[in-house]
Amino acid sequence: MSHAPEAPKTYRDFIARFPKLGEAWDALSEAGQGGPLDAKTQRLLKLAVAIGAQKEGPVHASVRKALAAGITREELDQVVAVAAGTIGMPASVAAWSWIRETQ
């Protein structure tokens, strides 16, 4: 899979202002990657968690990273469809709209 797209400017500015938080965030992210799940499954799982938590920013970030990694829009849509039975229709429609608006 390809590398992640450039982070949004606001995030980059925040990390420039608070570099130790950026280092801690990177370490936390890296620590969660060890295990039997492949990179694609991990990326889809992160999207599912963001959808379940109804976190618009993390959904956008997960979609950008997933698309850069070669994950298809159809696969992203299926994550929403699978989540619908758990999170309900209004939350699913909101998450689907966040996915659709993300390039």
PDB file of N, CA and C in Angstrom:
ATOM      1  N   MET A   1       0.844  -1.183   0.000  1.00  0.00           N
ATOM      2  CA  MET A   1       0.000   0.000   0.000  1.00  0.00           C
ATOM      3  C   MET A   1       0.884   1.240   0.000  1.00  0.00           C
ATOM      4  N   SER A   2       0.377   2.322  -0.563  1.00  0.00           N
ATOM      5  CA  SER A   2       1.162   3.552  -0.649  1.00  0.00           C
ATOM      6  C   SER A   2       1.174   4.290   0.685  1.00  0.00           C
ATOM      7  N   HIS A   3       1.983   5.335   0.733  1.00  0.00           N
ATOM      8  CA  HIS A   3       2.088   6.091   1.984  1.00  0.00           C
ATOM      9  C   HIS A   3       0.902   7.039   2.149  1.00  0.00           C
ATOM     10  N   ALA A   4       0.732   7.514   3.358  1.00  0.00           N
ATOM     11  CA  ALA A   4      -0.403   8.383   3.697  1.00  0.00           C
ATOM     12  C   ALA A   4      -0.274   9.739   3.019  1.00  0.00           C
ATOM     13  N   PRO A   5      -1.401  10.349   2.685  1.00  0.00           N
ATOM     14  CA  PRO A   5      -1.357  11.690   2.105  1.00  0.00           C
ATOM     15  C   PRO A   5      -0.910  12.706   3.158  1.00  0.00           C
ATOM     16  N   GLU A   6      -0.523  13.882   2.685  1.00  0.00           N
ATOM     17  CA  GLU A   6      -0.105  14.929   3.619  1.00  0.00           C
ATOM     18  C   GLU A   6      -1.257  15.295   4.554  1.00  0.00           C
ATOM     19  N   ALA A   7      -0.930  15.484   5.815  1.00  0.00           N
ATOM     20  CA  ALA A   7      -1.944  15.858   6.807  1.00  0.00           C
ATOM     21  C   ALA A   7      -2.446  17.272   6.521  1.00  0.00           C
ATOM     22  N   PRO A   8      -3.667  17.589   6.956  1.00  0.00           N
ATOM     23  CA  PRO A   8      -4.192  18.943   6.764  1.00  0.00           C
ATOM     24  C   PRO A   8      -3.305  19.991   7.442  1.00  0.00           C
ATOM     25  N   LYS A   9      -3.314  21.188   6.907  1.00  0.00           N
ATOM     26  CA  LYS A   9      -2.473  22.276   7.399  1.00  0.00           C
ATOM     27  C   LYS A   9      -2.695  22.549   8.885  1.00  0.00           C
ATOM     28  N   THR A  10      -3.920  22.548   9.336  1.00  0.00           N
ATOM     29  CA  THR A  10      -4.189  22.814  10.749  1.00  0.00           C
ATOM     30  C   THR A  10      -3.495  21.795  11.632  1.00  0.00           C
ATOM     31  N   TYR A  11      -3.529  20.538  11.243  1.00  0.00           N
ATOM     32  CA  TYR A  11      -2.842  19.489  12.010  1.00  0.00           C
ATOM     33  C   TYR A  11      -1.336  19.731  11.991  1.00  0.00           C
ATOM     34  N   ARG A  12      -0.787  20.014  10.820  1.00  0.00           N
ATOM     35  CA  ARG A  12       0.657  20.261  10.719  1.00  0.00           C
ATOM     36  C   ARG A  12       1.065  21.456  11.574  1.00  0.00           C
ATOM     37  N   ASP A  13       0.242  22.509  11.581  1.00  0.00           N
ATOM     38  CA  ASP A  13       0.528  23.683  12.407  1.00  0.00           C
ATOM     39  C   ASP A  13       0.486  23.334  13.894  1.00  0.00           C
ATOM     40  N   PHE A  14      -0.480  22.516  14.287  1.00  0.00           N
ATOM     41  CA  PHE A  14      -0.606  22.105  15.687  1.00  0.00           C
ATOM     42  C   PHE A  14       0.635  21.319  16.120  1.00  0.00           C
ATOM     43  N   ILE A  15       1.057  20.382  15.290  1.00  0.00           N
ATOM     44  CA  ILE A  15       2.226  19.565  15.612  1.00  0.00           C
ATOM     45  C   ILE A  15       3.492  20.423  15.642  1.00  0.00           C
ATOM     46  N   ALA A  16       3.572  21.422  14.772  1.00  0.00           N
ATOM     47  CA  ALA A  16       4.722  22.333  14.799  1.00  0.00           C
ATOM     48  C   ALA A  16       4.760  23.104  16.119  1.00  0.00           C
ATOM     49  N   ARG A  17       3.592  23.463  16.629  1.00  0.00           N
ATOM     50  CA  ARG A  17       3.503  24.200  17.886  1.00  0.00           C
ATOM     51  C   ARG A  17       3.741  23.295  19.090  1.00  0.00           C
ATOM     52  N   PHE A  18       3.291  22.045  18.998  1.00  0.00           N
ATOM     53  CA  PHE A  18       3.392  21.087  20.098  1.00  0.00           C
ATOM     54  C   PHE A  18       4.073  19.797  19.615  1.00  0.00           C
ATOM     55  N   PRO A  19       5.367  19.847  19.313  1.00  0.00           N
ATOM     56  CA  PRO A  19       6.043  18.685  18.733  1.00  0.00           C
ATOM     57  C   PRO A  19       6.046  17.443  19.615  1.00  0.00           C
ATOM     58  N   LYS A  20       6.072  17.589  20.922  1.00  0.00           N
ATOM     59  CA  LYS A  20       6.068  16.416  21.801  1.00  0.00           C
ATOM     60  C   LYS A  20       4.730  15.670  21.716  1.00  0.00           C
ATOM     61  N   LEU A  21       3.638  16.403  21.523  1.00  0.00           N
ATOM     62  CA  LEU A  21       2.345  15.742  21.319  1.00  0.00           C
ATOM     63  C   LEU A  21       2.362  14.957  20.010  1.00  0.00           C
ATOM     64  N   GLY A  22       2.984  15.525  18.991  1.00  0.00           N
ATOM     65  CA  GLY A  22       3.101  14.826  17.712  1.00  0.00           C
ATOM     66  C   GLY A  22       3.909  13.545  17.849  1.00  0.00           C
ATOM     67  N   GLU A  23       5.007  13.610  18.581  1.00  0.00           N
ATOM     68  CA  GLU A  23       5.831  12.420  18.808  1.00  0.00           C
ATOM     69  C   GLU A  23       5.054  11.352  19.577  1.00  0.00           C
ATOM     70  N   ALA A  24       4.316  11.784  20.590  1.00  0.00           N
ATOM     71  CA  ALA A  24       3.527  10.840  21.387  1.00  0.00           C
ATOM     72  C   ALA A  24       2.428  10.205  20.537  1.00  0.00           C
ATOM     73  N   TRP A  25       1.799  10.997  19.699  1.00  0.00           N
ATOM     74  CA  TRP A  25       0.735  10.495  18.814  1.00  0.00           C
ATOM     75  C   TRP A  25       1.297   9.450  17.858  1.00  0.00           C
ATOM     76  N   ASP A  26       2.466   9.754  17.267  1.00  0.00           N
ATOM     77  CA  ASP A  26       3.100   8.808  16.345  1.00  0.00           C
ATOM     78  C   ASP A  26       3.458   7.505  17.050  1.00  0.00           C
ATOM     79  N   ALA A  27       3.982   7.606  18.274  1.00  0.00           N
ATOM     80  CA  ALA A  27       4.352   6.410  19.037  1.00  0.00           C
ATOM     81  C   ALA A  27       3.124   5.569  19.366  1.00  0.00           C
ATOM     82  N   LEU A  28       2.031   6.220  19.747  1.00  0.00           N
ATOM     83  CA  LEU A  28       0.799   5.495  20.059  1.00  0.00           C
ATOM     84  C   LEU A  28       0.272   4.779  18.824  1.00  0.00           C
ATOM     85  N   SER A  29       0.259   5.473  17.703  1.00  0.00           N
ATOM     86  CA  SER A  29      -0.214   4.890  16.453  1.00  0.00           C
ATOM     87  C   SER A  29       0.638   3.689  16.055  1.00  0.00           C
ATOM     88  N   GLU A  30       1.943   3.839  16.153  1.00  0.00           N
ATOM     89  CA  GLU A  30       2.866   2.760  15.792  1.00  0.00           C
ATOM     90  C   GLU A  30       2.691   1.551  16.709  1.00  0.00           C
ATOM     91  N   ALA A  31       2.463   1.790  17.975  1.00  0.00           N
ATOM     92  CA  ALA A  31       2.320   0.692  18.942  1.00  0.00           C
ATOM     93  C   ALA A  31       1.105  -0.175  18.629  1.00  0.00           C
ATOM     94  N   GLY A  32       0.066   0.404  18.075  1.00  0.00           N
ATOM     95  CA  GLY A  32      -1.139  -0.355  17.763  1.00  0.00           C
ATOM     96  C   GLY A  32      -1.046  -1.183  16.499  1.00  0.00           C
ATOM     97  N   GLN A  33       0.006  -0.995  15.729  1.00  0.00           N
ATOM     98  CA  GLN A  33       0.120  -1.687  14.448  1.00  0.00           C
ATOM     99  C   GLN A  33       0.673  -3.104  14.557  1.00  0.00           C
ATOM    100  N   GLY A  34       1.287  -3.428  15.674  1.00  0.00           N
ATOM    101  CA  GLY A  34       1.848  -4.767  15.830  1.00  0.00           C
ATOM    102  C   GLY A  34       0.750  -5.776  16.073  1.00  0.00           C
ATOM    103  N   GLY A  35       0.716  -6.821  15.302  1.00  0.00           N
ATOM    104  CA  GLY A  35      -0.305  -7.855  15.479  1.00  0.00           C
ATOM    105  C   GLY A  35      -0.639  -8.518  14.163  1.00  0.00           C
ATOM    106  N   PRO A  36      -1.641  -9.381  14.193  1.00  0.00           N
ATOM    107  CA  PRO A  36      -1.946 -10.200  13.012  1.00  0.00           C
ATOM    108  C   PRO A  36      -2.756  -9.496  11.913  1.00  0.00           C
ATOM    109  N   LEU A  37      -3.314  -8.327  12.170  1.00  0.00           N
ATOM    110  CA  LEU A  37      -4.130  -7.668  11.149  1.00  0.00           C
ATOM    111  C   LEU A  37      -3.248  -6.994  10.102  1.00  0.00           C
ATOM    112  N   ASP A  38      -3.586  -7.185   8.833  1.00  0.00           N
ATOM    113  CA  ASP A  38      -2.813  -6.538   7.782  1.00  0.00           C
ATOM    114  C   ASP A  38      -3.165  -5.051   7.716  1.00  0.00           C
ATOM    115  N   ALA A  39      -2.390  -4.299   6.952  1.00  0.00           N
ATOM    116  CA  ALA A  39      -2.532  -2.840   6.891  1.00  0.00           C
ATOM    117  C   ALA A  39      -3.913  -2.415   6.397  1.00  0.00           C
ATOM    118  N   LYS A  40      -4.446  -3.116   5.414  1.00  0.00           N
ATOM    119  CA  LYS A  40      -5.777  -2.767   4.880  1.00  0.00           C
ATOM    120  C   LYS A  40      -6.852  -2.965   5.947  1.00  0.00           C
ATOM    121  N   THR A  41      -6.805  -4.079   6.631  1.00  0.00           N
ATOM    122  CA  THR A  41      -7.786  -4.349   7.686  1.00  0.00           C
ATOM    123  C   THR A  41      -7.677  -3.307   8.791  1.00  0.00           C
ATOM    124  N   GLN A  42      -6.453  -2.949   9.168  1.00  0.00           N
ATOM    125  CA  GLN A  42      -6.265  -1.921  10.190  1.00  0.00           C
ATOM    126  C   GLN A  42      -6.866  -0.596   9.747  1.00  0.00           C
ATOM    127  N   ARG A  43      -6.661  -0.230   8.498  1.00  0.00           N
ATOM    128  CA  ARG A  43      -7.186   1.043   7.988  1.00  0.00           C
ATOM    129  C   ARG A  43      -8.713   1.037   8.010  1.00  0.00           C
ATOM    130  N   LEU A  44      -9.337  -0.060   7.573  1.00  0.00           N
ATOM    131  CA  LEU A  44     -10.801  -0.158   7.585  1.00  0.00           C
ATOM    132  C   LEU A  44     -11.341  -0.183   9.011  1.00  0.00           C
ATOM    133  N   LEU A  45     -10.616  -0.817   9.908  1.00  0.00           N
ATOM    134  CA  LEU A  45     -11.019  -0.848  11.312  1.00  0.00           C
ATOM    135  C   LEU A  45     -10.983   0.554  11.921  1.00  0.00           C
ATOM    136  N   LYS A  46      -9.941   1.316  11.602  1.00  0.00           N
ATOM    137  CA  LYS A  46      -9.859   2.688  12.118  1.00  0.00           C
ATOM    138  C   LYS A  46     -11.036   3.522  11.604  1.00  0.00           C
ATOM    139  N   LEU A  47     -11.411   3.308  10.344  1.00  0.00           N
ATOM    140  CA  LEU A  47     -12.575   4.007   9.806  1.00  0.00           C
ATOM    141  C   LEU A  47     -13.836   3.598  10.563  1.00  0.00           C
ATOM    142  N   ALA A  48     -13.985   2.315  10.810  1.00  0.00           N
ATOM    143  CA  ALA A  48     -15.174   1.833  11.522  1.00  0.00           C
ATOM    144  C   ALA A  48     -15.270   2.430  12.920  1.00  0.00           C
ATOM    145  N   VAL A  49     -14.152   2.512  13.608  1.00  0.00           N
ATOM    146  CA  VAL A  49     -14.157   3.096  14.956  1.00  0.00           C
ATOM    147  C   VAL A  49     -14.534   4.573  14.886  1.00  0.00           C
ATOM    148  N   ALA A  50     -13.984   5.299  13.919  1.00  0.00           N
ATOM    149  CA  ALA A  50     -14.313   6.715  13.763  1.00  0.00           C
ATOM    150  C   ALA A  50     -15.792   6.901  13.452  1.00  0.00           C
ATOM    151  N   ILE A  51     -16.343   6.010  12.624  1.00  0.00           N
ATOM    152  CA  ILE A  51     -17.769   6.071  12.301  1.00  0.00           C
ATOM    153  C   ILE A  51     -18.591   5.806  13.564  1.00  0.00           C
ATOM    154  N   GLY A  52     -18.246   4.762  14.299  1.00  0.00           N
ATOM    155  CA  GLY A  52     -18.988   4.417  15.508  1.00  0.00           C
ATOM    156  C   GLY A  52     -18.947   5.512  16.551  1.00  0.00           C
ATOM    157  N   ALA A  53     -17.828   6.219  16.622  1.00  0.00           N
ATOM    158  CA  ALA A  53     -17.688   7.314  17.580  1.00  0.00           C
ATOM    159  C   ALA A  53     -18.279   8.614  17.052  1.00  0.00           C
ATOM    160  N   GLN A  54     -18.734   8.588  15.791  1.00  0.00           N
ATOM    161  CA  GLN A  54     -19.307   9.770  15.134  1.00  0.00           C
ATOM    162  C   GLN A  54     -18.336  10.951  15.177  1.00  0.00           C
ATOM    163  N   LYS A  55     -17.089  10.686  14.832  1.00  0.00           N
ATOM    164  CA  LYS A  55     -16.032  11.696  14.805  1.00  0.00           C
ATOM    165  C   LYS A  55     -15.768  12.070  13.355  1.00  0.00           C
ATOM    166  N   GLU A  56     -16.301  13.199  12.922  1.00  0.00           N
ATOM    167  CA  GLU A  56     -16.204  13.594  11.517  1.00  0.00           C
ATOM    168  C   GLU A  56     -14.764  13.765  11.053  1.00  0.00           C
ATOM    169  N   GLY A  57     -13.940  14.454  11.835  1.00  0.00           N
ATOM    170  CA  GLY A  57     -12.550  14.668  11.439  1.00  0.00           C
ATOM    171  C   GLY A  57     -11.791  13.366  11.240  1.00  0.00           C
ATOM    172  N   PRO A  58     -11.858  12.444  12.207  1.00  0.00           N
ATOM    173  CA  PRO A  58     -11.193  11.160  12.008  1.00  0.00           C
ATOM    174  C   PRO A  58     -11.768  10.338  10.844  1.00  0.00           C
ATOM    175  N   VAL A  59     -13.066  10.478  10.564  1.00  0.00           N
ATOM    176  CA  VAL A  59     -13.621   9.797   9.386  1.00  0.00           C
ATOM    177  C   VAL A  59     -12.959  10.361   8.131  1.00  0.00           C
ATOM    178  N   HIS A  60     -12.899  11.693   8.021  1.00  0.00           N
ATOM    179  CA  HIS A  60     -12.247  12.306   6.857  1.00  0.00           C
ATOM    180  C   HIS A  60     -10.804  11.831   6.730  1.00  0.00           C
ATOM    181  N   ALA A  61     -10.064  11.839   7.834  1.00  0.00           N
ATOM    182  CA  ALA A  61      -8.661  11.414   7.804  1.00  0.00           C
ATOM    183  C   ALA A  61      -8.544   9.947   7.392  1.00  0.00           C
ATOM    184  N   SER A  62      -9.398   9.102   7.945  1.00  0.00           N
ATOM    185  CA  SER A  62      -9.362   7.681   7.605  1.00  0.00           C
ATOM    186  C   SER A  62      -9.658   7.453   6.136  1.00  0.00           C
ATOM    187  N   VAL A  63     -10.598   8.206   5.596  1.00  0.00           N
ATOM    188  CA  VAL A  63     -10.937   8.065   4.179  1.00  0.00           C
ATOM    189  C   VAL A  63      -9.774   8.515   3.300  1.00  0.00           C
ATOM    190  N   ARG A  64      -9.173   9.661   3.615  1.00  0.00           N
ATOM    191  CA  ARG A  64      -8.024  10.127   2.825  1.00  0.00           C
ATOM    192  C   ARG A  64      -6.908   9.086   2.827  1.00  0.00           C
ATOM    193  N   LYS A  65      -6.601   8.549   3.998  1.00  0.00           N
ATOM    194  CA  LYS A  65      -5.529   7.560   4.109  1.00  0.00           C
ATOM    195  C   LYS A  65      -5.905   6.260   3.403  1.00  0.00           C
ATOM    196  N   ALA A  66      -7.159   5.852   3.518  1.00  0.00           N
ATOM    197  CA  ALA A  66      -7.609   4.620   2.864  1.00  0.00           C
ATOM    198  C   ALA A  66      -7.521   4.751   1.344  1.00  0.00           C
ATOM    199  N   LEU A  67      -7.993   5.847   0.814  1.00  0.00           N
ATOM    200  CA  LEU A  67      -7.926   6.050  -0.640  1.00  0.00           C
ATOM    201  C   LEU A  67      -6.484   6.073  -1.121  1.00  0.00           C
ATOM    202  N   ALA A  68      -5.599   6.718  -0.370  1.00  0.00           N
ATOM    203  CA  ALA A  68      -4.176   6.759  -0.729  1.00  0.00           C
ATOM    204  C   ALA A  68      -3.564   5.367  -0.698  1.00  0.00           C
ATOM    205  N   ALA A  69      -4.114   4.493   0.142  1.00  0.00           N
ATOM    206  CA  ALA A  69      -3.607   3.128   0.267  1.00  0.00           C
ATOM    207  C   ALA A  69      -4.233   2.173  -0.749  1.00  0.00           C
ATOM    208  N   GLY A  70      -5.111   2.690  -1.614  1.00  0.00           N
ATOM    209  CA  GLY A  70      -5.711   1.853  -2.640  1.00  0.00           C
ATOM    210  C   GLY A  70      -7.020   1.193  -2.254  1.00  0.00           C
ATOM    211  N   ILE A  71      -7.560   1.548  -1.128  1.00  0.00           N
ATOM    212  CA  ILE A  71      -8.866   1.016  -0.716  1.00  0.00           C
ATOM    213  C   ILE A  71      -9.933   1.722  -1.549  1.00  0.00           C
ATOM    214  N   THR A  72     -10.902   0.972  -2.023  1.00  0.00           N
ATOM    215  CA  THR A  72     -11.913   1.536  -2.919  1.00  0.00           C
ATOM    216  C   THR A  72     -13.043   2.217  -2.150  1.00  0.00           C
ATOM    217  N   ARG A  73     -13.730   3.092  -2.840  1.00  0.00           N
ATOM    218  CA  ARG A  73     -14.907   3.745  -2.247  1.00  0.00           C
ATOM    219  C   ARG A  73     -15.981   2.716  -1.914  1.00  0.00           C
ATOM    220  N   GLU A  74     -16.088   1.671  -2.720  1.00  0.00           N
ATOM    221  CA  GLU A  74     -17.065   0.615  -2.445  1.00  0.00           C
ATOM    222  C   GLU A  74     -16.750  -0.077  -1.120  1.00  0.00           C
ATOM    223  N   GLU A  75     -15.468  -0.301  -0.847  1.00  0.00           N
ATOM    224  CA  GLU A  75     -15.086  -0.911   0.423  1.00  0.00           C
ATOM    225  C   GLU A  75     -15.397   0.031   1.588  1.00  0.00           C
ATOM    226  N   LEU A  76     -15.148   1.329   1.393  1.00  0.00           N
ATOM    227  CA  LEU A  76     -15.468   2.307   2.432  1.00  0.00           C
ATOM    228  C   LEU A  76     -16.973   2.343   2.693  1.00  0.00           C
ATOM    229  N   ASP A  77     -17.753   2.317   1.618  1.00  0.00           N
ATOM    230  CA  ASP A  77     -19.212   2.308   1.767  1.00  0.00           C
ATOM    231  C   ASP A  77     -19.693   1.088   2.539  1.00  0.00           C
ATOM    232  N   GLN A  78     -19.052  -0.057   2.305  1.00  0.00           N
ATOM    233  CA  GLN A  78     -19.473  -1.259   3.006  1.00  0.00           C
ATOM    234  C   GLN A  78     -19.228  -1.155   4.507  1.00  0.00           C
ATOM    235  N   VAL A  79     -18.188  -0.443   4.902  1.00  0.00           N
ATOM    236  CA  VAL A  79     -17.943  -0.243   6.336  1.00  0.00           C
ATOM    237  C   VAL A  79     -19.148   0.458   6.959  1.00  0.00           C
ATOM    238  N   VAL A  80     -19.677   1.460   6.273  1.00  0.00           N
ATOM    239  CA  VAL A  80     -20.866   2.164   6.782  1.00  0.00           C
ATOM    240  C   VAL A  80     -22.061   1.216   6.824  1.00  0.00           C
ATOM    241  N   ALA A  81     -22.235   0.441   5.767  1.00  0.00           N
ATOM    242  CA  ALA A  81     -23.371  -0.483   5.719  1.00  0.00           C
ATOM    243  C   ALA A  81     -23.300  -1.503   6.851  1.00  0.00           C
ATOM    244  N   VAL A  82     -22.108  -2.015   7.133  1.00  0.00           N
ATOM    245  CA  VAL A  82     -21.942  -2.981   8.229  1.00  0.00           C
ATOM    246  C   VAL A  82     -22.232  -2.314   9.572  1.00  0.00           C
ATOM    247  N   ALA A  83     -21.808  -1.063   9.717  1.00  0.00           N
ATOM    248  CA  ALA A  83     -21.999  -0.344  10.981  1.00  0.00           C
ATOM    249  C   ALA A  83     -23.458   0.034  11.225  1.00  0.00           C
ATOM    250  N   ALA A  84     -24.251   0.131  10.168  1.00  0.00           N
ATOM    251  CA  ALA A  84     -25.618   0.648  10.284  1.00  0.00           C
ATOM    252  C   ALA A  84     -26.462  -0.092  11.317  1.00  0.00           C
ATOM    253  N   GLY A  85     -26.338  -1.395  11.384  1.00  0.00           N
ATOM    254  CA  GLY A  85     -27.134  -2.164  12.334  1.00  0.00           C
ATOM    255  C   GLY A  85     -26.785  -1.859  13.783  1.00  0.00           C
ATOM    256  N   THR A  86     -25.590  -1.353  14.005  1.00  0.00           N
ATOM    257  CA  THR A  86     -25.154  -1.034  15.358  1.00  0.00           C
ATOM    258  C   THR A  86     -25.365   0.429  15.704  1.00  0.00           C
ATOM    259  N   ILE A  87     -25.056   1.337  14.768  1.00  0.00           N
ATOM    260  CA  ILE A  87     -25.104   2.766  15.089  1.00  0.00           C
ATOM    261  C   ILE A  87     -26.402   3.448  14.680  1.00  0.00           C
ATOM    262  N   GLY A  88     -27.241   2.781  13.869  1.00  0.00           N
ATOM    263  CA  GLY A  88     -28.522   3.349  13.469  1.00  0.00           C
ATOM    264  C   GLY A  88     -28.446   4.121  12.159  1.00  0.00           C
ATOM    265  N   MET A  89     -29.608   4.400  11.623  1.00  0.00           N
ATOM    266  CA  MET A  89     -29.699   5.028  10.310  1.00  0.00           C
ATOM    267  C   MET A  89     -29.207   6.479  10.296  1.00  0.00           C
ATOM    268  N   PRO A  90     -29.632   7.347  11.221  1.00  0.00           N
ATOM    269  CA  PRO A  90     -29.150   8.731  11.148  1.00  0.00           C
ATOM    270  C   PRO A  90     -27.629   8.832  11.229  1.00  0.00           C
ATOM    271  N   ALA A  91     -27.007   8.080  12.123  1.00  0.00           N
ATOM    272  CA  ALA A  91     -25.554   8.109  12.261  1.00  0.00           C
ATOM    273  C   ALA A  91     -24.878   7.530  11.019  1.00  0.00           C
ATOM    274  N   SER A  92     -25.479   6.519  10.424  1.00  0.00           N
ATOM    275  CA  SER A  92     -24.926   5.920   9.208  1.00  0.00           C
ATOM    276  C   SER A  92     -24.971   6.897   8.037  1.00  0.00           C
ATOM    277  N   VAL A  93     -26.084   7.587   7.892  1.00  0.00           N
ATOM    278  CA  VAL A  93     -26.208   8.565   6.808  1.00  0.00           C
ATOM    279  C   VAL A  93     -25.202   9.693   7.007  1.00  0.00           C
ATOM    280  N   ALA A  94     -25.022  10.137   8.242  1.00  0.00           N
ATOM    281  CA  ALA A  94     -24.029  11.183   8.509  1.00  0.00           C
ATOM    282  C   ALA A  94     -22.630  10.703   8.133  1.00  0.00           C
ATOM    283  N   ALA A  95     -22.260   9.503   8.555  1.00  0.00           N
ATOM    284  CA  ALA A  95     -20.933   8.970   8.249  1.00  0.00           C
ATOM    285  C   ALA A  95     -20.747   8.800   6.742  1.00  0.00           C
ATOM    286  N   TRP A  96     -21.775   8.325   6.069  1.00  0.00           N
ATOM    287  CA  TRP A  96     -21.706   8.149   4.621  1.00  0.00           C
ATOM    288  C   TRP A  96     -21.491   9.491   3.924  1.00  0.00           C
ATOM    289  N   SER A  97     -22.138  10.534   4.442  1.00  0.00           N
ATOM    290  CA  SER A  97     -21.955  11.871   3.840  1.00  0.00           C
ATOM    291  C   SER A  97     -20.525  12.351   4.044  1.00  0.00           C
ATOM    292  N   TRP A  98     -19.926  12.048   5.199  1.00  0.00           N
ATOM    293  CA  TRP A  98     -18.532  12.459   5.459  1.00  0.00           C
ATOM    294  C   TRP A  98     -17.585  11.724   4.519  1.00  0.00           C
ATOM    295  N   ILE A  99     -17.887  10.452   4.260  1.00  0.00           N
ATOM    296  CA  ILE A  99     -17.052   9.690   3.334  1.00  0.00           C
ATOM    297  C   ILE A  99     -17.182  10.254   1.918  1.00  0.00           C
ATOM    298  N   ARG A 100     -18.396  10.523   1.510  1.00  0.00           N
ATOM    299  CA  ARG A 100     -18.629  11.024   0.148  1.00  0.00           C
ATOM    300  C   ARG A 100     -17.994  12.380  -0.107  1.00  0.00           C
ATOM    301  N   GLU A 101     -17.922  13.227   0.927  1.00  0.00           N
ATOM    302  CA  GLU A 101     -17.375  14.566   0.717  1.00  0.00           C
ATOM    303  C   GLU A 101     -15.856  14.610   0.807  1.00  0.00           C
ATOM    304  N   THR A 102     -15.236  13.501   1.148  1.00  0.00           N
ATOM    305  CA  THR A 102     -13.787  13.454   1.298  1.00  0.00           C
ATOM    306  C   THR A 102     -13.142  13.020  -0.006  1.00  0.00           C
ATOM    307  N   GLN A 103     -12.172  13.777  -0.453  1.00  0.00           N
ATOM    308  CA  GLN A 103     -11.447  13.446  -1.677  1.00  0.00           C
ATOM    309  C   GLN A 103     -10.366  12.534  -1.280  1.00  0.00           C
TER     310      GLN A 103
END
